[in-house]
Protein backbone atom coordinates (compact mmCIF):
# COMPACT_ATOMS: atom_id res chain seq x y z
CA UNK A 1 2.32 8.79 14.53
CA UNK A 2 0.49 9.28 11.25
CA UNK A 3 -2.55 7.50 9.89
CA UNK A 4 -4.99 7.87 7.00
CA UNK A 5 -8.79 7.68 7.02
CA UNK A 6 -10.58 6.99 3.76
CA UNK A 7 -14.24 7.82 3.14
CA UNK A 8 -16.61 7.58 0.21
CA UNK A 9 -17.87 10.86 -1.29
CA UNK A 10 -21.29 11.27 -2.88
CA UNK A 11 -21.13 14.47 -4.97
CA UNK A 12 -24.17 15.78 -6.83
CA UNK A 13 -24.06 15.95 -10.63
CA UNK A 14 -22.85 19.57 -10.72
CA UNK A 15 -20.31 18.88 -7.97
CA UNK A 16 -18.96 15.85 -9.84
CA UNK A 17 -18.57 18.00 -12.98
CA UNK A 18 -16.69 20.62 -10.92
CA UNK A 19 -14.38 17.95 -9.51
CA UNK A 20 -13.72 16.54 -12.99
CA UNK A 21 -12.95 20.06 -14.24
CA UNK A 22 -10.50 20.71 -11.42
CA UNK A 23 -8.80 17.36 -12.06
CA UNK A 24 -8.35 18.40 -15.68
CA UNK A 25 -6.80 21.67 -14.49
CA UNK A 26 -4.34 19.90 -12.21
CA UNK A 27 -3.44 17.51 -15.03
CA UNK A 28 -2.82 20.48 -17.36
CA UNK A 29 -0.55 22.13 -14.77
CA UNK A 30 1.39 18.89 -14.21
CA UNK A 31 2.06 18.46 -17.92
CA UNK A 32 2.99 22.16 -18.40
CA UNK A 33 5.43 22.00 -15.49
CA UNK A 34 6.97 18.81 -16.88
CA UNK A 35 7.27 20.41 -20.32
CA UNK A 36 9.02 23.46 -18.82
CA UNK A 37 11.51 21.30 -16.94
CA UNK A 38 12.36 19.34 -20.08
CA UNK A 39 12.79 22.46 -22.23
CA UNK A 40 15.03 24.24 -19.71
CA UNK A 41 17.18 21.15 -19.23
CA UNK A 42 17.66 20.63 -22.99
CA UNK A 43 18.45 24.33 -23.47
CA UNK A 44 20.73 24.98 -20.47
CA UNK A 45 21.71 21.54 -19.19
CA UNK A 46 20.39 22.48 -15.74
CA UNK A 47 17.19 21.54 -13.96
CA UNK A 48 14.74 23.66 -12.01
CA UNK A 49 12.94 22.87 -8.78
CA UNK A 50 9.58 23.35 -7.13
CA UNK A 51 10.14 26.90 -5.86
CA UNK A 52 11.13 28.22 -9.29
CA UNK A 53 7.99 26.80 -10.91
CA UNK A 54 5.78 27.89 -8.02
CA UNK A 55 6.89 31.53 -8.31
CA UNK A 56 7.44 31.82 -12.08
CA UNK A 57 5.13 29.36 -13.85
CA UNK A 58 2.05 28.98 -11.64
CA UNK A 59 0.91 32.64 -11.23
CA UNK A 60 0.95 33.26 -14.99
CA UNK A 61 -0.87 30.05 -15.85
CA UNK A 62 -3.51 30.70 -13.20
CA UNK A 63 -4.31 34.09 -14.77
CA UNK A 64 -4.43 32.76 -18.32
CA UNK A 65 -6.32 29.48 -17.74
CA UNK A 66 -9.95 29.65 -16.60
CA UNK A 67 -9.91 26.13 -15.21
CA UNK A 68 -6.84 26.79 -13.05
CA UNK A 69 -8.56 29.92 -11.74
CA UNK A 70 -11.22 27.65 -10.19
CA UNK A 71 -8.63 25.51 -8.37
CA UNK A 72 -7.29 26.21 -4.90
CA UNK A 73 -3.82 27.81 -5.09
CA UNK A 74 -2.32 25.63 -2.33
CA UNK A 75 -3.61 22.45 -4.01
CA UNK A 76 -1.98 23.54 -7.29
CA UNK A 77 1.29 23.90 -5.42
CA UNK A 78 0.84 20.33 -4.16
CA UNK A 79 0.64 19.16 -7.78
CA UNK A 80 3.95 20.90 -8.47
CA UNK A 81 5.42 19.22 -5.38
CA UNK A 82 4.18 15.89 -6.73
CA UNK A 83 6.13 16.45 -9.96
CA UNK A 84 9.17 17.60 -7.98
CA UNK A 85 9.08 14.39 -5.93
CA UNK A 86 8.92 12.34 -9.14
CA UNK A 87 12.13 13.98 -10.36
CA UNK A 88 13.87 13.55 -7.01
CA UNK A 89 12.99 9.85 -6.99
CA UNK A 90 14.18 9.58 -10.60
CA UNK A 91 17.58 11.11 -9.84
CA UNK A 92 18.05 9.07 -6.66
CA UNK A 93 17.43 5.85 -8.59
CA UNK A 94 19.88 6.95 -11.30
CA UNK A 95 22.54 7.56 -8.63
CA UNK A 96 21.83 4.11 -7.17
CA UNK A 97 22.66 2.54 -10.54
CA UNK A 98 19.10 1.53 -11.40
CA UNK A 99 17.29 2.11 -14.70
CA UNK A 100 14.25 4.22 -13.76
CA UNK A 101 11.65 5.57 -16.16
CA UNK A 102 11.75 9.29 -16.80
CA UNK A 103 8.68 11.18 -15.45
CA UNK A 104 6.10 11.16 -18.21
CA UNK A 105 3.13 13.25 -19.23
CA UNK A 106 -0.25 12.31 -17.76
CA UNK A 107 -3.43 11.83 -19.75
CA UNK A 108 -6.67 13.05 -18.22
CA UNK A 109 -7.81 9.53 -17.32
CA UNK A 110 -4.53 8.77 -15.52
CA UNK A 111 -4.55 11.82 -13.26
CA UNK A 112 -7.00 11.05 -10.46
CA UNK A 113 -5.97 12.83 -7.25
CA UNK A 114 -6.07 16.38 -5.91
CA UNK A 115 -4.03 17.11 -2.78
CA UNK A 116 -4.89 19.87 -0.30
CA UNK A 117 -2.00 21.08 1.84
CA UNK A 118 -3.83 22.32 4.95
CA UNK A 119 -7.31 21.68 6.26
CA UNK A 120 -9.11 25.05 6.14
CA UNK A 121 -7.33 26.27 3.01
CA UNK A 122 -9.83 25.46 0.27
CA UNK A 123 -11.21 22.49 2.19
CA UNK A 124 -12.91 21.98 5.54
CA UNK A 125 -15.60 19.97 7.30
CA UNK A 126 -18.93 21.83 7.54
CA UNK A 127 -22.03 20.29 9.12
CA UNK A 128 -20.83 16.71 8.57
CA UNK A 129 -20.03 17.47 4.93
CA UNK A 130 -16.78 18.16 3.14
CA UNK A 131 -16.52 21.68 1.74
CA UNK A 132 -14.24 22.09 -1.27
CA UNK A 133 -13.46 25.41 -2.94
CA UNK A 134 -15.64 26.03 -6.03
CA UNK A 135 -17.30 22.63 -5.53
CA UNK A 136 -19.46 23.14 -2.46
CA UNK A 137 -20.42 20.89 0.45
CA UNK A 138 -20.15 17.25 -0.61
CA UNK A 139 -21.89 14.41 1.22
CA UNK A 140 -19.51 12.02 3.00
CA UNK A 141 -20.16 8.51 4.29
CA UNK A 142 -18.65 8.78 7.80
CA UNK A 143 -18.36 5.07 8.59
CA UNK A 144 -15.96 5.71 11.50
CA UNK A 145 -14.84 8.74 13.53
CA UNK A 146 -11.56 10.52 12.82
CA UNK A 147 -9.17 10.35 15.78
CA UNK A 148 -6.31 12.84 15.80
CA UNK A 149 -5.24 16.09 14.15
CA UNK A 150 -6.08 16.35 10.45
CA UNK A 151 -2.98 17.58 8.61
CA UNK A 152 -3.76 17.20 4.91
CA UNK A 153 -6.34 15.55 2.70
CA UNK A 154 -6.70 14.28 -0.84
CA UNK A 155 -9.70 13.77 -3.13
CA UNK A 156 -9.46 10.79 -5.48
CA UNK A 157 -11.50 9.53 -8.42
CA UNK A 158 -11.55 5.76 -8.86
CA UNK A 159 -13.75 3.84 -11.30
CA UNK A 160 -16.35 6.58 -11.39
CA UNK A 161 -16.43 6.86 -7.57
CA UNK A 162 -15.02 9.64 -5.41
CA UNK A 163 -13.11 9.25 -2.16
CA UNK A 164 -11.52 11.57 0.38
CA UNK A 165 -8.48 10.53 2.39
CA UNK A 166 -7.58 12.43 5.59
CA UNK A 167 -3.97 12.25 6.79
CA UNK A 168 -4.00 12.46 10.58
CA UNK A 169 -1.37 12.87 13.28
CA UNK A 170 -2.25 10.99 16.46
CA UNK A 171 -0.75 9.57 19.64
CA UNK A 172 -0.28 5.81 19.67
CA UNK A 173 -2.37 3.98 22.27
CA UNK A 174 -0.19 1.23 23.75
CA UNK A 175 -2.12 -1.97 24.41
CA UNK A 176 -1.54 -3.98 27.61
CA UNK A 177 1.06 -6.75 27.51
CA UNK A 178 -0.08 -10.30 26.81
CA UNK A 179 3.21 -12.10 27.42
CA UNK A 180 3.01 -13.85 24.02
CA UNK A 181 5.12 -13.38 20.89
CA UNK A 182 4.94 -15.17 17.56
CA UNK A 183 6.95 -15.85 14.45
CA UNK A 184 5.10 -15.69 11.14
CA UNK A 185 5.87 -17.72 8.02
CA UNK A 186 4.20 -16.75 4.74
CA UNK A 187 3.22 -19.21 2.02
CA UNK A 188 0.85 -19.83 -0.86
CA UNK A 189 -1.69 -22.44 0.27
CA UNK A 190 -1.16 -21.74 3.96
CA UNK A 191 -0.80 -18.02 3.54
CA UNK A 192 0.08 -17.46 7.23
CA UNK A 193 1.56 -19.99 9.65
CA UNK A 194 2.51 -18.96 13.19
CA UNK A 195 4.96 -20.39 15.69
CA UNK A 196 2.15 -21.38 18.06
CA UNK A 197 0.57 -23.66 15.46
CA UNK A 198 -2.03 -21.44 13.77
CA UNK A 199 -2.53 -21.98 10.04
CA UNK A 200 -4.55 -19.51 7.97
CA UNK A 201 -5.32 -20.69 4.46
CA UNK A 202 -5.32 -18.43 1.43
CA UNK A 203 -8.71 -17.25 0.12
CA UNK A 204 -7.25 -16.94 -3.43
CA UNK A 205 -9.47 -14.02 -4.40
CA UNK A 206 -7.77 -13.52 -7.76
CA UNK A 207 -8.10 -17.18 -8.76
CA UNK A 208 -11.77 -17.22 -7.70
CA UNK A 209 -12.54 -14.20 -9.86
CA UNK A 210 -10.64 -15.42 -12.93
CA UNK A 211 -13.81 -16.58 -14.71
CA UNK A 212 -15.25 -13.06 -14.64
CA UNK A 213 -11.89 -11.47 -15.49
CA UNK A 214 -11.44 -13.69 -18.56
CA UNK A 215 -14.95 -12.77 -19.70
CA UNK A 216 -14.23 -9.04 -19.44
CA UNK A 217 -10.85 -9.39 -21.18
CA UNK A 218 -12.46 -11.22 -24.08
CA UNK A 219 -15.09 -8.49 -24.38
CA UNK A 220 -12.36 -5.83 -24.21
CA UNK A 221 -10.37 -7.44 -27.04
CA UNK A 222 -13.38 -7.19 -29.34
CA UNK A 223 -14.09 -3.50 -28.67
CA UNK A 224 -12.87 -0.72 -30.95
CA UNK A 225 -10.12 1.40 -29.30
CA UNK A 226 -11.49 4.78 -28.21
CA UNK A 227 -15.14 3.68 -28.37
CA UNK A 228 -17.66 4.24 -25.58
CA UNK A 229 -18.29 0.49 -25.25
CA UNK A 230 -14.57 -0.14 -24.71
CA UNK A 231 -14.48 2.50 -21.96
CA UNK A 232 -17.49 0.88 -20.27
CA UNK A 233 -15.83 -2.54 -20.40
CA UNK A 234 -12.62 -1.06 -18.95
CA UNK A 235 -14.62 0.34 -16.04
CA UNK A 236 -16.27 -3.06 -15.41
CA UNK A 237 -12.86 -4.75 -15.44
CA UNK A 238 -11.38 -2.12 -13.12
CA UNK A 239 -14.32 -2.49 -10.71
CA UNK A 240 -13.78 -6.24 -10.57
CA UNK A 241 -10.10 -5.75 -9.71
CA UNK A 242 -11.10 -3.15 -7.13
CA UNK A 243 -13.42 -5.69 -5.49
CA UNK A 244 -10.59 -8.24 -5.33
CA UNK A 245 -8.32 -5.65 -3.71
CA UNK A 246 -10.98 -4.69 -1.16
CA UNK A 247 -11.64 -8.32 -0.26
CA UNK A 248 -7.94 -8.95 0.28
CA UNK A 249 -7.50 -5.79 2.38
CA UNK A 250 -10.49 -6.66 4.54
CA UNK A 251 -9.13 -10.18 5.09
CA UNK A 252 -5.64 -9.00 6.09
CA UNK A 253 -6.86 -6.09 8.24
CA UNK A 254 -8.95 -8.49 10.34
CA UNK A 255 -6.05 -10.93 10.77
CA UNK A 256 -3.57 -8.17 11.67
CA UNK A 257 -6.04 -6.65 14.15
CA UNK A 258 -6.48 -10.04 15.86
CA UNK A 259 -2.70 -10.58 16.04
CA UNK A 260 -1.99 -7.14 17.49
CA UNK A 261 -4.65 -7.63 20.19
CA UNK A 262 -3.28 -11.02 21.28
CA UNK A 263 0.53 -10.80 20.91
CA UNK A 264 3.29 -8.47 22.10
CA UNK A 265 5.60 -8.88 19.12
CA UNK A 266 6.03 -10.32 15.67
CA UNK A 267 9.01 -11.85 13.89
CA UNK A 268 8.63 -12.13 10.11
CA UNK A 269 10.79 -13.03 7.13
CA UNK A 270 12.60 -10.32 5.19
CA UNK A 271 11.39 -11.55 1.82
CA UNK A 272 12.57 -10.17 -1.54
CA UNK A 273 9.11 -10.34 -3.07
CA UNK A 274 10.07 -8.44 -6.24
CA UNK A 275 12.65 -11.09 -7.03
CA UNK A 276 10.41 -14.00 -6.05
CA UNK A 277 7.58 -12.84 -8.32
CA UNK A 278 9.88 -13.22 -11.34
CA UNK A 279 9.46 -16.99 -11.06
CA UNK A 280 6.87 -17.79 -13.74
CA UNK A 281 5.57 -20.85 -11.86
CA UNK A 282 4.71 -18.98 -8.66
CA UNK A 283 4.20 -15.39 -9.86
CA UNK A 284 0.40 -15.50 -9.97
CA UNK A 285 0.16 -17.26 -6.59
CA UNK A 286 2.51 -14.77 -4.94
CA UNK A 287 0.60 -11.84 -6.44
CA UNK A 288 -2.68 -13.32 -5.23
CA UNK A 289 -1.29 -13.90 -1.72
CA UNK A 290 0.04 -10.28 -1.55
CA UNK A 291 2.47 -10.90 1.29
CA UNK A 292 3.78 -7.34 1.13
CA UNK A 293 0.27 -5.96 1.74
CA UNK A 294 -0.19 -8.06 4.86
CA UNK A 295 3.25 -7.21 6.25
CA UNK A 296 2.74 -3.47 5.75
CA UNK A 297 -0.67 -3.65 7.48
CA UNK A 298 0.74 -5.68 10.37
CA UNK A 299 3.73 -3.36 10.77
CA UNK A 300 1.49 -0.29 10.88
CA UNK A 301 -0.92 -1.76 13.41
CA UNK A 302 1.93 -3.11 15.55
CA UNK A 303 3.57 0.33 15.68
CA UNK A 304 0.35 2.08 16.67
CA UNK A 305 -0.27 -0.46 19.46
CA UNK A 306 3.26 -0.38 20.89
CA UNK A 307 4.15 -3.91 19.72
CA UNK A 308 7.57 -4.84 18.38
CA UNK A 309 7.99 -5.94 14.76
CA UNK A 310 11.21 -7.48 13.45
CA UNK A 311 12.35 -8.93 10.12
CA UNK A 312 14.86 -11.78 10.02
CA UNK A 313 16.71 -13.62 7.27
CA UNK A 314 14.54 -16.27 5.58
CA UNK A 315 17.47 -18.50 4.61
CA UNK A 316 16.99 -22.08 5.76
CA UNK A 317 13.97 -21.51 8.00
CA UNK A 318 12.12 -24.46 6.44
CA UNK A 319 15.13 -26.82 6.40
CA UNK A 320 16.33 -26.17 9.95
CA UNK A 321 14.74 -28.16 12.76
CA UNK A 322 13.14 -25.88 15.37
CA UNK A 323 13.66 -28.55 18.03
CA UNK A 324 17.38 -29.32 17.79
CA UNK A 325 18.73 -26.99 15.08
CA UNK A 326 19.87 -29.76 12.70
CA UNK A 327 19.41 -29.17 8.96
CA UNK A 328 16.82 -31.57 7.54
CA UNK A 329 16.73 -31.09 3.78
CA UNK A 330 13.41 -31.65 2.00
CA UNK A 331 11.89 -30.57 -1.33
CA UNK A 332 9.07 -28.07 -1.57
CA UNK A 333 6.55 -30.84 -2.19
CA UNK A 334 7.13 -32.28 1.31
CA UNK A 335 4.77 -30.35 3.61
CA UNK A 336 5.67 -32.02 6.93
CA UNK A 337 8.89 -31.62 8.89
CA UNK A 338 10.17 -34.88 10.40
CA UNK A 339 13.49 -34.68 12.25
CA UNK A 340 15.40 -38.00 12.47
CA UNK A 341 17.52 -36.63 15.36
CA UNK A 342 15.02 -35.31 17.90
CA UNK A 343 11.85 -36.90 16.49
CA UNK A 344 9.99 -33.60 15.99
CA UNK A 345 7.10 -34.06 13.54
CA UNK A 346 5.16 -30.87 12.70
CA UNK A 347 3.92 -28.90 9.73
CA UNK A 348 6.71 -27.50 7.56
CA UNK A 349 5.41 -23.90 7.76
CA UNK A 350 4.92 -24.00 11.54
CA UNK A 351 8.50 -25.26 11.90
CA UNK A 352 9.69 -22.32 9.78
CA UNK A 353 7.65 -19.88 11.91
CA UNK A 354 9.32 -21.19 15.08
CA UNK A 355 12.77 -20.70 13.54
CA UNK A 356 11.81 -17.16 12.52
CA UNK A 357 10.83 -16.34 16.11
CA UNK A 358 14.04 -17.89 17.45
CA UNK A 359 16.17 -15.70 15.17
CA UNK A 360 15.09 -12.44 16.83
CA UNK A 361 17.78 -10.91 19.05
CA UNK A 362 17.66 -10.34 22.83
CA UNK A 363 16.80 -6.63 22.60
CA UNK A 364 13.93 -7.44 20.28
CA UNK A 365 12.16 -9.88 22.60
CA UNK A 366 11.03 -7.72 25.48
CA UNK A 367 14.63 -6.94 26.48
CA UNK A 368 15.20 -10.49 27.81
CA UNK A 369 18.21 -12.37 26.50
CA UNK A 370 17.10 -15.77 25.17
CA UNK A 371 19.81 -18.15 23.96
CA UNK A 372 19.15 -19.66 20.55
CA UNK A 373 18.89 -23.27 21.81
CA UNK A 374 16.61 -22.21 24.67
CA UNK A 375 14.47 -20.21 22.26
CA UNK A 376 14.12 -23.29 20.08
CA UNK A 377 13.13 -25.48 23.00
CA UNK A 378 10.58 -22.92 24.23
CA UNK A 379 9.01 -22.57 20.80
CA UNK A 380 8.81 -26.34 20.30
């Protein structure tokens, strides 16, 4: 399996200037390669790929441009691969009938990452520091050990800070069986409800920080475009959003870790979040809850621990009774499920979580065939 480890870098002033210079070089190469692709297509009606640009464009530019001469050759090729992937994604979306945006030129403040193809080629770990070609040995905050084989790495600039991300191949360590499985229902106030009755309420990090965000947006609207003060306000605003993101990630990582340690499998809803967020009444709440972030974290941790993870249809999970299977219609404002047929009275979200767990197939529940009615009675 593959995993990424992210660490904070603390470059010295000269090292930070070198990193900024190399980022500018990679940005220049990206834009030149994009310009070449556009010109050739308009002239001949045919496109070119990565290998053509790597052999024809890159060597000449590296000799002519002093900044590119400082950059690692393999990392420059990774920038060309990045552009090539953008075009491949663009064409695949066109074939699928979508309306994608054409790959666009990058400004220097929008190009923030340098990729290194192989550890040892322009980058390596020396004496607990990260060595980068023409930058030197940069101090790293090793807050946890790296487990596995380092394949590639990337150096990223974000809000004036520098980070390194190692992409590692490792063997999954299967955790012992617990004999317990849960269904998970996602919501806004109760962000996570499980089939065994747990209810985790939303921290609403975005809503909590709105006072500060409004303040920064007001300051930003009064600044002159292109001024130093506007750039400083943009950085303050970006740092506030970064804090919100980090708080949310920390919250969901801890929940997912606890779930993976205590359960053998997880049944979740296959939600169309992109469509749901178009609802103007719930868009901000859904964005603040970030269901997709939690599900991706849970799926990753479940796979690395040998747990099963399944997505089921969300249709009718709240209306269907988990005790007898009868449809009990109720508006969204009604938060309790009361079945007039079997007398089941539980929280609406917990009822939905039980239905989600019951909808998983036999092969997905430890290989044991569980009839739907029996699964409902067990979960209730």
